[in-house]
Amino acid sequence: MSECIKCKGEVLPMHAEAGHKICVSCRDKRAAQVRASWCVVQLYSKGNYQLVTDLSDLTRTNPKRTT
């Protein structure tokens, strides 16, 4: 088995053959960190849900908000 470059744990043989150098546990932790920064909202009334990455888009989603 291959060794994880982050935690020195074991990388499954099928993952190592696919070119992965990080174990499943470390990949799951990284994916959770990335997902924590996602924000999905309706940008306008009755609109589709969309991924928001710009804070100014997020502040425009509530028309009743006064600044």
Protein backbone atom coordinates (compact mmCIF):
# COMPACT_ATOMS: atom_id res chain seq x y z
CA MET A 1 0.00 0.00 0.00
CA SER A 2 1.03 3.58 -0.58
CA GLU A 3 1.46 6.15 2.16
CA CYS A 4 -0.63 9.33 2.47
CA ILE A 5 1.48 12.48 2.00
CA LYS A 6 -0.49 14.33 4.70
CA CYS A 7 -1.04 11.92 7.57
CA LYS A 8 1.20 8.97 6.64
CA GLY A 9 -1.88 6.72 6.63
CA GLU A 10 -2.58 4.08 4.00
CA VAL A 11 -3.83 4.93 0.52
CA LEU A 12 -5.90 2.11 -0.98
CA PRO A 13 -4.19 0.35 -3.89
CA MET A 14 -6.96 1.21 -6.36
CA HIS A 15 -6.69 4.90 -5.39
CA ALA A 16 -2.90 4.83 -5.64
CA GLU A 17 -3.16 3.31 -9.12
CA ALA A 18 -5.49 6.17 -10.08
CA GLY A 19 -2.79 8.64 -9.01
CA HIS A 20 -4.16 9.72 -5.62
CA LYS A 21 -1.49 10.41 -3.00
CA ILE A 22 -3.88 11.33 -0.17
CA CYS A 23 -5.93 8.87 1.89
CA VAL A 24 -9.72 8.86 1.89
CA SER A 25 -9.89 10.40 5.37
CA CYS A 26 -7.71 13.40 4.41
CA ARG A 27 -9.65 13.86 1.15
CA ASP A 28 -12.95 13.86 3.08
CA LYS A 29 -11.63 16.48 5.52
CA ARG A 30 -10.50 18.70 2.64
CA ALA A 31 -13.85 18.31 0.85
CA ALA A 32 -15.69 19.30 4.05
CA GLN A 33 -13.56 22.46 4.31
CA VAL A 34 -14.34 23.39 0.72
CA ARG A 35 -18.08 22.73 1.13
CA ALA A 36 -18.19 24.89 4.27
CA SER A 37 -17.43 27.94 2.14
CA TRP A 38 -20.33 27.33 -0.25
CA CYS A 39 -23.47 29.43 -0.02
CA VAL A 40 -26.52 28.58 -2.14
CA VAL A 41 -29.42 31.07 -2.26
CA GLN A 42 -32.22 32.35 -4.45
CA LEU A 43 -30.88 35.55 -5.99
CA TYR A 44 -34.38 36.83 -6.72
CA SER A 45 -37.94 35.93 -5.79
CA LYS A 46 -39.04 32.57 -7.22
CA GLY A 47 -35.68 32.15 -8.91
CA ASN A 48 -33.48 29.10 -9.09
CA TYR A 49 -31.01 28.38 -6.32
CA GLN A 50 -27.52 29.51 -7.30
CA LEU A 51 -24.06 29.26 -5.84
CA VAL A 52 -22.96 32.64 -4.46
CA THR A 53 -19.27 33.41 -4.21
CA ASP A 54 -19.43 37.21 -4.20
CA LEU A 55 -20.61 38.80 -0.93
CA SER A 56 -22.27 41.72 -2.77
CA ASP A 57 -24.59 39.24 -4.55
CA LEU A 58 -25.55 37.81 -1.18
CA THR A 59 -26.41 41.20 0.29
CA ARG A 60 -28.72 41.95 -2.65
CA THR A 61 -30.84 38.84 -2.04
CA ASN A 62 -32.90 40.52 0.72
CA PRO A 63 -34.69 43.56 -0.77
CA LYS A 64 -36.21 44.51 2.63
CA ARG A 65 -32.83 44.95 4.27
CA THR A 66 -31.93 48.54 5.06
CA THR A 67 -28.34 49.67 5.33
